[in-house]
C-alpha atoms as a PDB file:
ATOM      1  CA  MET A   1    -220.617 134.919  59.285  1.00  0.00           C
ATOM      2  CA  ALA A   2    -219.178 138.442  59.511  1.00  0.00           C
ATOM      3  CA  ARG A   3    -218.588 140.158  56.174  1.00  0.00           C
ATOM      4  CA  PHE A   4    -215.574 142.066  57.448  1.00  0.00           C
ATOM      5  CA  SER A   5    -213.045 141.361  60.159  1.00  0.00           C
ATOM      6  CA  ILE A   6    -210.136 143.680  60.885  1.00  0.00           C
ATOM      7  CA  GLU A   7    -207.232 142.445  62.947  1.00  0.00           C
ATOM      8  CA  ARG A   8    -203.838 143.927  63.722  1.00  0.00           C
ATOM      9  CA  LEU A   9    -200.974 141.804  62.391  1.00  0.00           C
ATOM     10  CA  GLY A  10    -198.641 140.615  65.108  1.00  0.00           C
ATOM     11  CA  VAL A  11    -195.542 140.736  62.924  1.00  0.00           C
ATOM     12  CA  LYS A  12    -193.147 143.468  61.885  1.00  0.00           C
ATOM     13  CA  PRO A  13    -193.306 144.912  58.346  1.00  0.00           C
ATOM     14  CA  VAL A  14    -191.455 143.033  55.599  1.00  0.00           C
ATOM     15  CA  SER A  15    -189.248 146.074  55.028  1.00  0.00           C
ATOM     16  CA  GLU A  16    -187.870 145.504  58.544  1.00  0.00           C
ATOM     17  CA  TYR A  17    -187.022 141.841  57.964  1.00  0.00           C
ATOM     18  CA  THR A  18    -183.335 140.972  57.938  1.00  0.00           C
ATOM     19  CA  VAL A  19    -183.775 139.106  54.639  1.00  0.00           C
ATOM     20  CA  GLU A  20    -186.187 139.914  51.801  1.00  0.00           C
ATOM     21  CA  MET A  21    -186.476 138.362  48.333  1.00  0.00           C
ATOM     22  CA  VAL A  22    -188.446 139.699  45.367  1.00  0.00           C
ATOM     23  CA  GLU A  23    -188.663 138.664  41.718  1.00  0.00           C
ATOM     24  CA  ARG A  24    -190.306 139.876  38.523  1.00  0.00           C
ATOM     25  CA  LYS A  25    -190.506 138.079  35.198  1.00  0.00           C
ATOM     26  CA  GLY A  26    -190.600 140.527  32.303  1.00  0.00           C
ATOM     27  CA  VAL A  27    -192.846 140.649  29.271  1.00  0.00           C
ATOM     28  CA  GLY A  28    -190.626 138.357  27.193  1.00  0.00           C
ATOM     29  CA  HIS A  29    -190.232 135.602  29.779  1.00  0.00           C
ATOM     30  CA  PRO A  30    -191.975 132.342  28.745  1.00  0.00           C
ATOM     31  CA  ASP A  31    -194.082 132.279  31.924  1.00  0.00           C
ATOM     32  CA  TYR A  32    -195.195 135.858  31.293  1.00  0.00           C
ATOM     33  CA  ILE A  33    -196.060 134.954  27.697  1.00  0.00           C
ATOM     34  CA  ALA A  34    -198.214 132.041  28.892  1.00  0.00           C
ATOM     35  CA  ASP A  35    -200.080 134.305  31.323  1.00  0.00           C
ATOM     36  CA  ALA A  36    -200.488 137.111  28.807  1.00  0.00           C
ATOM     37  CA  VAL A  37    -201.785 134.884  26.017  1.00  0.00           C
ATOM     38  CA  SER A  38    -204.358 133.247  28.314  1.00  0.00           C
ATOM     39  CA  GLU A  39    -205.557 136.664  29.466  1.00  0.00           C
ATOM     40  CA  ALA A  40    -205.636 138.101  25.941  1.00  0.00           C
ATOM     41  CA  PHE A  41    -207.714 135.126  24.781  1.00  0.00           C
ATOM     42  CA  SER A  42    -210.176 135.662  27.635  1.00  0.00           C
ATOM     43  CA  ARG A  43    -210.537 139.325  26.658  1.00  0.00           C
ATOM     44  CA  GLU A  44    -211.243 138.414  23.032  1.00  0.00           C
ATOM     45  CA  LEU A  45    -213.888 135.912  24.140  1.00  0.00           C
ATOM     46  CA  CYS A  46    -215.468 138.522  26.434  1.00  0.00           C
ATOM     47  CA  LYS A  47    -215.638 141.122  23.674  1.00  0.00           C
ATOM     48  CA  TYR A  48    -217.192 138.641  21.263  1.00  0.00           C
ATOM     49  CA  TYR A  49    -219.739 137.385  23.797  1.00  0.00           C
ATOM     50  CA  LEU A  50    -220.752 140.943  24.715  1.00  0.00           C
ATOM     51  CA  ARG A  51    -221.001 142.067  21.107  1.00  0.00           C
ATOM     52  CA  GLU A  52    -222.983 139.060  19.893  1.00  0.00           C
ATOM     53  CA  PHE A  53    -225.005 138.027  22.949  1.00  0.00           C
ATOM     54  CA  GLY A  54    -224.995 141.012  25.304  1.00  0.00           C
ATOM     55  CA  THR A  55    -223.354 139.173  28.189  1.00  0.00           C
ATOM     56  CA  ILE A  56    -220.084 137.444  29.089  1.00  0.00           C
ATOM     57  CA  LEU A  57    -220.613 133.697  28.854  1.00  0.00           C
ATOM     58  CA  HIS A  58    -218.853 130.979  30.807  1.00  0.00           C
ATOM     59  CA  HIS A  59    -215.204 130.375  30.028  1.00  0.00           C
ATOM     60  CA  ASN A  60    -211.925 129.638  31.764  1.00  0.00           C
ATOM     61  CA  VAL A  61    -208.964 129.511  29.383  1.00  0.00           C
ATOM     62  CA  ASP A  62    -206.289 129.477  32.046  1.00  0.00           C
ATOM     63  CA  LYS A  63    -204.154 126.504  31.029  1.00  0.00           C
ATOM     64  CA  GLY A  64    -201.463 127.973  28.793  1.00  0.00           C
ATOM     65  CA  LEU A  65    -198.220 126.285  27.823  1.00  0.00           C
ATOM     66  CA  VAL A  66    -195.253 127.740  25.973  1.00  0.00           C
ATOM     67  CA  VAL A  67    -193.043 125.017  24.501  1.00  0.00           C
ATOM     68  CA  GLY A  68    -189.563 126.247  23.701  1.00  0.00           C
ATOM     69  CA  GLY A  69    -188.284 126.022  20.152  1.00  0.00           C
ATOM     70  CA  ARG A  70    -184.745 125.741  18.795  1.00  0.00           C
ATOM     71  CA  ALA A  71    -182.562 128.589  17.585  1.00  0.00           C
ATOM     72  CA  ASN A  72    -179.022 129.318  16.506  1.00  0.00           C
ATOM     73  CA  PRO A  73    -178.138 132.839  17.672  1.00  0.00           C
ATOM     74  CA  ARG A  74    -174.675 134.178  16.875  1.00  0.00           C
ATOM     75  CA  PHE A  75    -172.968 137.542  16.877  1.00  0.00           C
ATOM     76  CA  GLY A  76    -174.401 139.585  14.027  1.00  0.00           C
ATOM     77  CA  GLY A  77    -177.199 137.180  13.130  1.00  0.00           C
ATOM     78  CA  GLY A  78    -178.764 133.798  13.686  1.00  0.00           C
ATOM     79  CA  GLU A  79    -181.927 131.910  12.845  1.00  0.00           C
ATOM     80  CA  VAL A  80    -184.843 130.118  14.469  1.00  0.00           C
ATOM     81  CA  LEU A  81    -184.601 126.428  13.570  1.00  0.00           C
ATOM     82  CA  GLU A  82    -187.809 125.196  15.176  1.00  0.00           C
ATOM     83  CA  PRO A  83    -190.716 127.463  16.130  1.00  0.00           C
ATOM     84  CA  ILE A  84    -192.048 128.140  19.603  1.00  0.00           C
ATOM     85  CA  ARG A  85    -195.343 126.369  20.299  1.00  0.00           C
ATOM     86  CA  ILE A  86    -198.075 128.068  22.307  1.00  0.00           C
ATOM     87  CA  ILE A  87    -200.932 125.876  23.521  1.00  0.00           C
ATOM     88  CA  VAL A  88    -203.998 127.163  25.362  1.00  0.00           C
ATOM     89  CA  ALA A  89    -206.439 124.722  26.944  1.00  0.00           C
ATOM     90  CA  GLY A  90    -209.622 125.380  28.835  1.00  0.00           C
ATOM     91  CA  ARG A  91    -213.361 125.589  28.596  1.00  0.00           C
ATOM     92  CA  ALA A  92    -215.607 128.032  26.787  1.00  0.00           C
ATOM     93  CA  VAL A  93    -219.101 128.280  25.386  1.00  0.00           C
ATOM     94  CA  THR A  94    -218.670 127.518  21.699  1.00  0.00           C
ATOM     95  CA  GLU A  95    -222.339 127.283  20.722  1.00  0.00           C
ATOM     96  CA  VAL A  96    -225.296 129.425  21.759  1.00  0.00           C
ATOM     97  CA  LYS A  97    -229.009 128.713  21.400  1.00  0.00           C
ATOM     98  CA  LYS A  98    -230.673 132.041  20.609  1.00  0.00           C
ATOM     99  CA  ARG A  99    -234.089 133.318  21.710  1.00  0.00           C
ATOM    100  CA  GLY A 100    -235.786 132.912  18.349  1.00  0.00           C
ATOM    101  CA  GLY A 101    -234.357 129.472  17.795  1.00  0.00           C
ATOM    102  CA  GLY A 102    -231.264 128.491  15.910  1.00  0.00           C
ATOM    103  CA  ARG A 103    -227.672 128.189  17.030  1.00  0.00           C
ATOM    104  CA  VAL A 104    -224.627 130.424  16.738  1.00  0.00           C
ATOM    105  CA  GLU A 105    -221.126 128.960  16.561  1.00  0.00           C
ATOM    106  CA  VAL A 106    -218.453 130.942  18.419  1.00  0.00           C
ATOM    107  CA  PRO A 107    -215.251 131.262  16.307  1.00  0.00           C
ATOM    108  CA  VAL A 108    -212.966 130.155  19.135  1.00  0.00           C
ATOM    109  CA  ASP A 109    -209.937 129.343  16.969  1.00  0.00           C
ATOM    110  CA  GLU A 110    -210.051 132.711  15.216  1.00  0.00           C
ATOM    111  CA  LEU A 111    -210.316 134.547  18.533  1.00  0.00           C
ATOM    112  CA  LEU A 112    -207.314 132.629  19.897  1.00  0.00           C
ATOM    113  CA  GLU A 113    -205.265 133.483  16.809  1.00  0.00           C
ATOM    114  CA  LYS A 114    -206.167 137.163  17.156  1.00  0.00           C
ATOM    115  CA  ALA A 115    -205.194 137.141  20.843  1.00  0.00           C
ATOM    116  CA  VAL A 116    -201.841 135.388  20.380  1.00  0.00           C
ATOM    117  CA  LYS A 117    -200.718 137.374  17.360  1.00  0.00           C
ATOM    118  CA  GLY A 118    -201.919 140.640  18.859  1.00  0.00           C
ATOM    119  CA  PHE A 119    -199.915 140.205  22.057  1.00  0.00           C
ATOM    120  CA  LEU A 120    -196.751 139.056  20.304  1.00  0.00           C
ATOM    121  CA  ARG A 121    -196.806 141.792  17.658  1.00  0.00           C
ATOM    122  CA  LYS A 122    -197.361 144.473  20.273  1.00  0.00           C
ATOM    123  CA  ASN A 123    -194.569 143.358  22.590  1.00  0.00           C
ATOM    124  CA  PHE A 124    -191.786 141.818  20.473  1.00  0.00           C
ATOM    125  CA  ARG A 125    -189.697 143.629  17.880  1.00  0.00           C
ATOM    126  CA  TYR A 126    -187.773 140.661  16.460  1.00  0.00           C
ATOM    127  CA  LEU A 127    -190.267 137.811  16.803  1.00  0.00           C
ATOM    128  CA  ASP A 128    -192.007 136.987  13.514  1.00  0.00           C
ATOM    129  CA  VAL A 129    -195.422 135.633  14.492  1.00  0.00           C
ATOM    130  CA  GLU A 130    -195.827 133.887  11.139  1.00  0.00           C
ATOM    131  CA  LYS A 131    -192.434 132.149  11.112  1.00  0.00           C
ATOM    132  CA  HIS A 132    -191.308 131.794  14.710  1.00  0.00           C
ATOM    133  CA  VAL A 133    -194.519 130.708  16.473  1.00  0.00           C
ATOM    134  CA  ARG A 134    -197.122 127.965  16.153  1.00  0.00           C
ATOM    135  CA  PHE A 135    -200.208 127.974  18.326  1.00  0.00           C
ATOM    136  CA  GLU A 136    -202.958 125.534  19.155  1.00  0.00           C
ATOM    137  CA  GLY A 137    -206.215 125.793  21.051  1.00  0.00           C
ATOM    138  CA  MET A 138    -207.546 122.852  23.020  1.00  0.00           C
ATOM    139  CA  ILE A 139    -210.834 124.329  24.156  1.00  0.00           C
ATOM    140  CA  ARG A 140    -213.465 121.865  25.291  1.00  0.00           C
ATOM    141  CA  SER A 141    -216.751 122.885  23.757  1.00  0.00           C
ATOM    142  CA  GLY A 142    -220.016 123.546  25.495  1.00  0.00           C
ATOM    143  CA  SER A 143    -223.373 125.020  24.535  1.00  0.00           C
ATOM    144  CA  THR A 144    -225.699 127.285  26.462  1.00  0.00           C
ATOM    145  CA  ASP A 145    -229.241 128.558  26.301  1.00  0.00           C
ATOM    146  CA  LEU A 146    -229.183 132.363  26.114  1.00  0.00           C
ATOM    147  CA  VAL A 147    -232.690 132.656  27.588  1.00  0.00           C
ATOM    148  CA  GLY A 148    -231.610 130.687  30.648  1.00  0.00           C
ATOM    149  CA  ILE A 149    -228.540 132.888  31.057  1.00  0.00           C
ATOM    150  CA  PHE A 150    -230.607 136.084  31.150  1.00  0.00           C
ATOM    151  CA  ASN A 151    -233.070 134.538  33.593  1.00  0.00           C
ATOM    152  CA  LEU A 152    -230.191 133.712  35.943  1.00  0.00           C
ATOM    153  CA  LYS A 153    -228.898 137.296  35.730  1.00  0.00           C
ATOM    154  CA  ARG A 154    -232.037 138.530  37.500  1.00  0.00           C
ATOM    155  CA  GLY A 155    -230.838 137.042  40.768  1.00  0.00           C
ATOM    156  CA  VAL A 156    -227.703 137.385  42.863  1.00  0.00           C
ATOM    157  CA  PRO A 157    -224.485 136.952  40.802  1.00  0.00           C
ATOM    158  CA  LEU A 158    -223.101 133.490  41.446  1.00  0.00           C
ATOM    159  CA  ALA A 159    -219.510 132.338  41.745  1.00  0.00           C
ATOM    160  CA  ASN A 160    -218.400 129.445  39.548  1.00  0.00           C
ATOM    161  CA  ASP A 161    -215.596 128.267  41.836  1.00  0.00           C
ATOM    162  CA  THR A 162    -214.294 128.419  45.394  1.00  0.00           C
ATOM    163  CA  SER A 163    -211.228 130.613  45.695  1.00  0.00           C
ATOM    164  CA  PHE A 164    -209.730 133.542  47.582  1.00  0.00           C
ATOM    165  CA  GLY A 165    -207.544 136.579  47.064  1.00  0.00           C
ATOM    166  CA  VAL A 166    -204.639 138.109  48.963  1.00  0.00           C
ATOM    167  CA  CYS A 167    -203.360 141.666  48.733  1.00  0.00           C
ATOM    168  CA  PHE A 168    -200.993 143.983  50.560  1.00  0.00           C
ATOM    169  CA  ALA A 169    -199.885 147.604  50.500  1.00  0.00           C
ATOM    170  CA  PRO A 170    -197.709 149.541  50.264  1.00  0.00           C
ATOM    171  CA  LEU A 171    -194.782 147.985  48.404  1.00  0.00           C
ATOM    172  CA  THR A 172    -191.450 147.823  50.194  1.00  0.00           C
ATOM    173  CA  PRO A 173    -188.521 149.740  48.653  1.00  0.00           C
ATOM    174  CA  THR A 174    -187.101 146.422  47.409  1.00  0.00           C
ATOM    175  CA  GLU A 175    -190.400 145.490  45.759  1.00  0.00           C
ATOM    176  CA  ARG A 176    -190.643 148.890  44.099  1.00  0.00           C
ATOM    177  CA  LEU A 177    -187.071 148.601  42.858  1.00  0.00           C
ATOM    178  CA  VAL A 178    -187.688 145.224  41.208  1.00  0.00           C
ATOM    179  CA  LEU A 179    -190.977 146.301  39.625  1.00  0.00           C
ATOM    180  CA  GLU A 180    -189.692 149.604  38.289  1.00  0.00           C
ATOM    181  CA  THR A 181    -186.369 148.179  37.062  1.00  0.00           C
ATOM    182  CA  GLU A 182    -188.059 145.689  34.727  1.00  0.00           C
ATOM    183  CA  LYS A 183    -190.446 148.369  33.501  1.00  0.00           C
ATOM    184  CA  LEU A 184    -187.466 150.620  32.789  1.00  0.00           C
ATOM    185  CA  LEU A 185    -185.583 147.964  30.808  1.00  0.00           C
ATOM    186  CA  ASN A 186    -188.655 147.083  28.738  1.00  0.00           C
ATOM    187  CA  SER A 187    -189.796 150.665  28.182  1.00  0.00           C
ATOM    188  CA  ALA A 188    -190.013 152.100  24.665  1.00  0.00           C
ATOM    189  CA  LYS A 189    -187.520 154.823  25.594  1.00  0.00           C
ATOM    190  CA  PHE A 190    -184.929 152.329  26.831  1.00  0.00           C
ATOM    191  CA  LYS A 191    -185.368 150.099  23.778  1.00  0.00           C
ATOM    192  CA  LYS A 192    -184.814 153.099  21.526  1.00  0.00           C
ATOM    193  CA  GLU A 193    -181.575 153.961  23.318  1.00  0.00           C
ATOM    194  CA  LEU A 194    -180.323 150.375  23.760  1.00  0.00           C
ATOM    195  CA  PRO A 195    -182.149 148.304  21.121  1.00  0.00           C
ATOM    196  CA  GLU A 196    -179.789 145.373  21.683  1.00  0.00           C
ATOM    197  CA  VAL A 197    -181.638 144.504  24.904  1.00  0.00           C
ATOM    198  CA  GLY A 198    -184.427 142.003  24.250  1.00  0.00           C
ATOM    199  CA  GLU A 199    -187.804 141.632  25.929  1.00  0.00           C
ATOM    200  CA  ASP A 200    -187.007 138.565  28.039  1.00  0.00           C
ATOM    201  CA  ILE A 201    -185.859 140.227  31.252  1.00  0.00           C
ATOM    202  CA  LYS A 202    -185.973 138.818  34.761  1.00  0.00           C
ATOM    203  CA  VAL A 203    -185.110 140.842  37.846  1.00  0.00           C
ATOM    204  CA  MET A 204    -184.442 139.319  41.255  1.00  0.00           C
ATOM    205  CA  ALA A 205    -183.505 141.157  44.420  1.00  0.00           C
ATOM    206  CA  LEU A 206    -182.024 139.783  47.601  1.00  0.00           C
ATOM    207  CA  ARG A 207    -181.941 142.278  50.451  1.00  0.00           C
ATOM    208  CA  ILE A 208    -179.913 141.517  53.565  1.00  0.00           C
ATOM    209  CA  ARG A 209    -180.398 144.323  56.066  1.00  0.00           C
ATOM    210  CA  ASP A 210    -179.614 147.510  54.098  1.00  0.00           C
ATOM    211  CA  LYS A 211    -177.786 145.886  51.181  1.00  0.00           C
ATOM    212  CA  ILE A 212    -179.598 144.809  48.012  1.00  0.00           C
ATOM    213  CA  ARG A 213    -178.143 142.456  45.440  1.00  0.00           C
ATOM    214  CA  LEU A 214    -180.030 142.974  42.179  1.00  0.00           C
ATOM    215  CA  THR A 215    -179.569 140.218  39.604  1.00  0.00           C
ATOM    216  CA  ILE A 216    -180.774 140.934  36.074  1.00  0.00           C
ATOM    217  CA  SER A 217    -181.121 138.411  33.284  1.00  0.00           C
ATOM    218  CA  ALA A 218    -181.482 140.231  29.963  1.00  0.00           C
ATOM    219  CA  ALA A 219    -181.652 138.523  26.583  1.00  0.00           C
ATOM    220  CA  MET A 220    -179.686 140.311  23.856  1.00  0.00           C
ATOM    221  CA  ILE A 221    -180.728 140.553  20.192  1.00  0.00           C
ATOM    222  CA  SER A 222    -177.992 138.719  18.297  1.00  0.00           C
ATOM    223  CA  SER A 223    -178.442 140.571  14.994  1.00  0.00           C
ATOM    224  CA  LEU A 224    -177.701 143.885  16.758  1.00  0.00           C
ATOM    225  CA  VAL A 225    -174.595 142.630  18.566  1.00  0.00           C
ATOM    226  CA  PRO A 226    -171.696 142.254  16.103  1.00  0.00           C
ATOM    227  CA  ASP A 227    -169.079 140.891  18.494  1.00  0.00           C
ATOM    228  CA  LYS A 228    -168.089 140.073  22.067  1.00  0.00           C
ATOM    229  CA  ASP A 229    -166.820 143.559  22.870  1.00  0.00           C
ATOM    230  CA  HIS A 230    -170.088 145.139  21.789  1.00  0.00           C
ATOM    231  CA  TYR A 231    -172.018 142.659  23.950  1.00  0.00           C
ATOM    232  CA  LEU A 232    -169.911 143.421  27.014  1.00  0.00           C
ATOM    233  CA  ASN A 233    -170.270 147.168  26.435  1.00  0.00           C
ATOM    234  CA  VAL A 234    -174.066 146.883  26.265  1.00  0.00           C
ATOM    235  CA  LYS A 235    -174.106 144.748  29.401  1.00  0.00           C
ATOM    236  CA  GLU A 236    -171.999 147.310  31.244  1.00  0.00           C
ATOM    237  CA  GLU A 237    -174.288 150.118  30.078  1.00  0.00           C
ATOM    238  CA  VAL A 238    -177.341 148.243  31.387  1.00  0.00           C
ATOM    239  CA  LYS A 239    -175.574 147.837  34.729  1.00  0.00           C
ATOM    240  CA  ARG A 240    -174.655 151.527  34.899  1.00  0.00           C
ATOM    241  CA  ARG A 241    -178.161 152.721  34.063  1.00  0.00           C
ATOM    242  CA  VAL A 242    -179.792 150.441  36.604  1.00  0.00           C
ATOM    243  CA  GLU A 243    -177.338 151.617  39.270  1.00  0.00           C
ATOM    244  CA  ASP A 244    -178.266 155.237  38.538  1.00  0.00           C
ATOM    245  CA  PHE A 245    -181.955 154.342  38.502  1.00  0.00           C
ATOM    246  CA  SER A 246    -181.705 152.436  41.798  1.00  0.00           C
ATOM    247  CA  ALA A 247    -180.395 155.508  43.585  1.00  0.00           C
ATOM    248  CA  LYS A 248    -183.686 157.267  42.774  1.00  0.00           C
ATOM    249  CA  ILE A 249    -185.883 154.397  44.002  1.00  0.00           C
ATOM    250  CA  VAL A 250    -184.227 153.305  47.247  1.00  0.00           C
ATOM    251  CA  GLU A 251    -182.502 155.641  49.665  1.00  0.00           C
ATOM    252  CA  GLY A 252    -180.029 154.730  52.354  1.00  0.00           C
ATOM    253  CA  MET A 253    -179.329 151.308  50.860  1.00  0.00           C
ATOM    254  CA  ASP A 254    -176.338 149.897  49.037  1.00  0.00           C
ATOM    255  CA  VAL A 255    -177.453 148.343  45.713  1.00  0.00           C
ATOM    256  CA  GLU A 256    -175.184 145.914  43.886  1.00  0.00           C
ATOM    257  CA  VAL A 257    -176.236 145.258  40.274  1.00  0.00           C
ATOM    258  CA  ASN A 258    -175.256 142.122  38.357  1.00  0.00           C
ATOM    259  CA  VAL A 259    -176.239 141.489  34.731  1.00  0.00           C
ATOM    260  CA  ASN A 260    -176.237 138.104  32.959  1.00  0.00           C
ATOM    261  CA  VAL A 261    -174.114 136.363  35.550  1.00  0.00           C
ATOM    262  CA  GLY A 262    -174.263 133.117  33.570  1.00  0.00           C
ATOM    263  CA  ASP A 263    -172.025 134.537  30.845  1.00  0.00           C
ATOM    264  CA  LYS A 264    -168.617 132.927  30.383  1.00  0.00           C
ATOM    265  CA  PRO A 265    -166.809 135.081  27.804  1.00  0.00           C
ATOM    266  CA  ARG A 266    -163.678 132.916  27.692  1.00  0.00           C
ATOM    267  CA  ALA A 267    -165.813 129.892  26.855  1.00  0.00           C
ATOM    268  CA  GLY A 268    -167.881 131.843  24.312  1.00  0.00           C
ATOM    269  CA  ILE A 269    -171.072 131.693  26.391  1.00  0.00           C
ATOM    270  CA  PHE A 270    -173.297 134.779  26.121  1.00  0.00           C
ATOM    271  CA  TYR A 271    -177.031 135.390  26.515  1.00  0.00           C
ATOM    272  CA  LEU A 272    -177.831 135.905  22.833  1.00  0.00           C
ATOM    273  CA  THR A 273    -181.249 135.385  21.252  1.00  0.00           C
ATOM    274  CA  VAL A 274    -182.586 135.832  17.732  1.00  0.00           C
ATOM    275  CA  THR A 275    -186.051 136.927  18.854  1.00  0.00           C
ATOM    276  CA  GLY A 276    -185.537 138.522  22.273  1.00  0.00           C
ATOM    277  CA  THR A 277    -186.968 135.625  24.288  1.00  0.00           C
ATOM    278  CA  SER A 278    -185.425 132.467  25.695  1.00  0.00           C
ATOM    279  CA  ALA A 279    -188.541 130.607  24.544  1.00  0.00           C
ATOM    280  CA  GLU A 280    -186.812 130.293  21.175  1.00  0.00           C
ATOM    281  CA  MET A 281    -184.303 127.847  22.658  1.00  0.00           C
ATOM    282  CA  GLY A 282    -186.008 125.315  24.891  1.00  0.00           C
ATOM    283  CA  ASP A 283    -187.168 127.534  27.769  1.00  0.00           C
ATOM    284  CA  ASP A 284    -190.800 126.657  28.502  1.00  0.00           C
ATOM    285  CA  GLY A 285    -193.564 128.564  30.267  1.00  0.00           C
ATOM    286  CA  ASN A 286    -196.825 127.864  32.096  1.00  0.00           C
ATOM    287  CA  THR A 287    -199.825 129.947  33.065  1.00  0.00           C
ATOM    288  CA  GLY A 288    -199.631 130.627  36.797  1.00  0.00           C
ATOM    289  CA  ARG A 289    -195.844 130.429  37.128  1.00  0.00           C
ATOM    290  CA  GLY A 290    -195.334 134.100  36.404  1.00  0.00           C
ATOM    291  CA  ASN A 291    -195.934 137.197  38.498  1.00  0.00           C
ATOM    292  CA  ARG A 292    -198.874 137.613  40.842  1.00  0.00           C
ATOM    293  CA  VAL A 293    -201.458 140.197  39.806  1.00  0.00           C
ATOM    294  CA  ASN A 294    -199.389 143.033  41.307  1.00  0.00           C
ATOM    295  CA  GLY A 295    -196.551 142.178  38.914  1.00  0.00           C
ATOM    296  CA  LEU A 296    -194.254 140.602  41.499  1.00  0.00           C
ATOM    297  CA  ILE A 297    -193.301 137.291  43.081  1.00  0.00           C
ATOM    298  CA  THR A 298    -192.949 137.980  46.809  1.00  0.00           C
ATOM    299  CA  PRO A 299    -192.159 134.911  48.953  1.00  0.00           C
ATOM    300  CA  CYS A 300    -191.891 137.041  52.102  1.00  0.00           C
ATOM    301  CA  ARG A 301    -195.544 138.075  51.763  1.00  0.00           C
ATOM    302  CA  GLN A 302    -198.828 136.237  52.085  1.00  0.00           C
ATOM    303  CA  MET A 303    -199.711 135.152  48.559  1.00  0.00           C
ATOM    304  CA  SER A 304    -202.386 133.269  46.678  1.00  0.00           C
ATOM    305  CA  LEU A 305    -201.165 130.750  44.122  1.00  0.00           C
ATOM    306  CA  GLU A 306    -204.268 131.484  42.049  1.00  0.00           C
ATOM    307  CA  ALA A 307    -203.544 131.822  38.343  1.00  0.00           C
ATOM    308  CA  THR A 308    -205.846 134.702  37.475  1.00  0.00           C
ATOM    309  CA  ALA A 309    -204.852 134.896  33.795  1.00  0.00           C
ATOM    310  CA  GLY A 310    -207.537 133.497  31.520  1.00  0.00           C
ATOM    311  CA  LYS A 311    -210.158 133.168  34.245  1.00  0.00           C
ATOM    312  CA  ASN A 312    -213.690 134.441  33.715  1.00  0.00           C
ATOM    313  CA  PRO A 313    -213.730 138.097  34.902  1.00  0.00           C
ATOM    314  CA  VAL A 314    -217.396 137.955  35.918  1.00  0.00           C
ATOM    315  CA  SER A 315    -217.863 134.745  37.865  1.00  0.00           C
ATOM    316  CA  HIS A 316    -214.443 133.558  39.035  1.00  0.00           C
ATOM    317  CA  VAL A 317    -214.000 134.936  42.551  1.00  0.00           C
ATOM    318  CA  GLY A 318    -210.265 134.232  42.621  1.00  0.00           C
ATOM    319  CA  LYS A 319    -209.751 136.600  39.710  1.00  0.00           C
ATOM    320  CA  ILE A 320    -212.130 139.256  41.019  1.00  0.00           C
ATOM    321  CA  TYR A 321    -210.683 139.283  44.545  1.00  0.00           C
ATOM    322  CA  ASN A 322    -207.085 139.288  43.359  1.00  0.00           C
END
């Protein structure tokens, strides 16, 4: 079988389609959290395996679930009534037989705790990892013989699954706009200037010919928003800044920006959160439902549905290829 095959695509570029749709789930979205926690856990396992045994041992911890809690956000304050639950399931080597005899237990639970708390503390300003989150590992144990592992390494590296990867380049203007808009809204500079905007941000673009409708869902931090007028002012400022930003990313296109379209001010419905994520109030997340590895969800492109987060970075071909 040929190793490489190059063929000209018989279709026009996506940027020339009449209709294009693109989405990005930001760092505070429950699906993003599930992906990020699975990946952080895999990294902690890799570091431990390398430090203690000199090689990355078998693991796939790619089944993450974020179970939404309950909260009572209100203008000027609020509280979390029931914590968010984060569950990670998968497989990992938890016991190693060493060369000179004896066994070493891998502290899987401690590594999971370090991964979860590390990600949340780094990325959320108003989420208390001790009070607002509970986590649980459901890692099926397995043991391995270290001597056998090193003997195997002398041969050709082997895949531990059948999978494939899909990629494309360059990004269309619409794809770039979606990617860069979320990064802008979750940047440290933006948070310093508009701290009321939480981390749970989702950006979706619908382009029809040369017109783009950009819909932004942005959680607001309730303790920093004293009243309805302040909320509406912040929302309008987000809209204005994204409009200015869009003009720098896409040229020759009309961009319409809408923020938190589900709000109903007359009915007292606003997108307020205590912690900055909708996971506090019943919004769940799953590993694999978030962005692809390029940070986007692009239904107009060829895509793999492979959930790369939490997969073994050495032997899982789906992760390596993607």
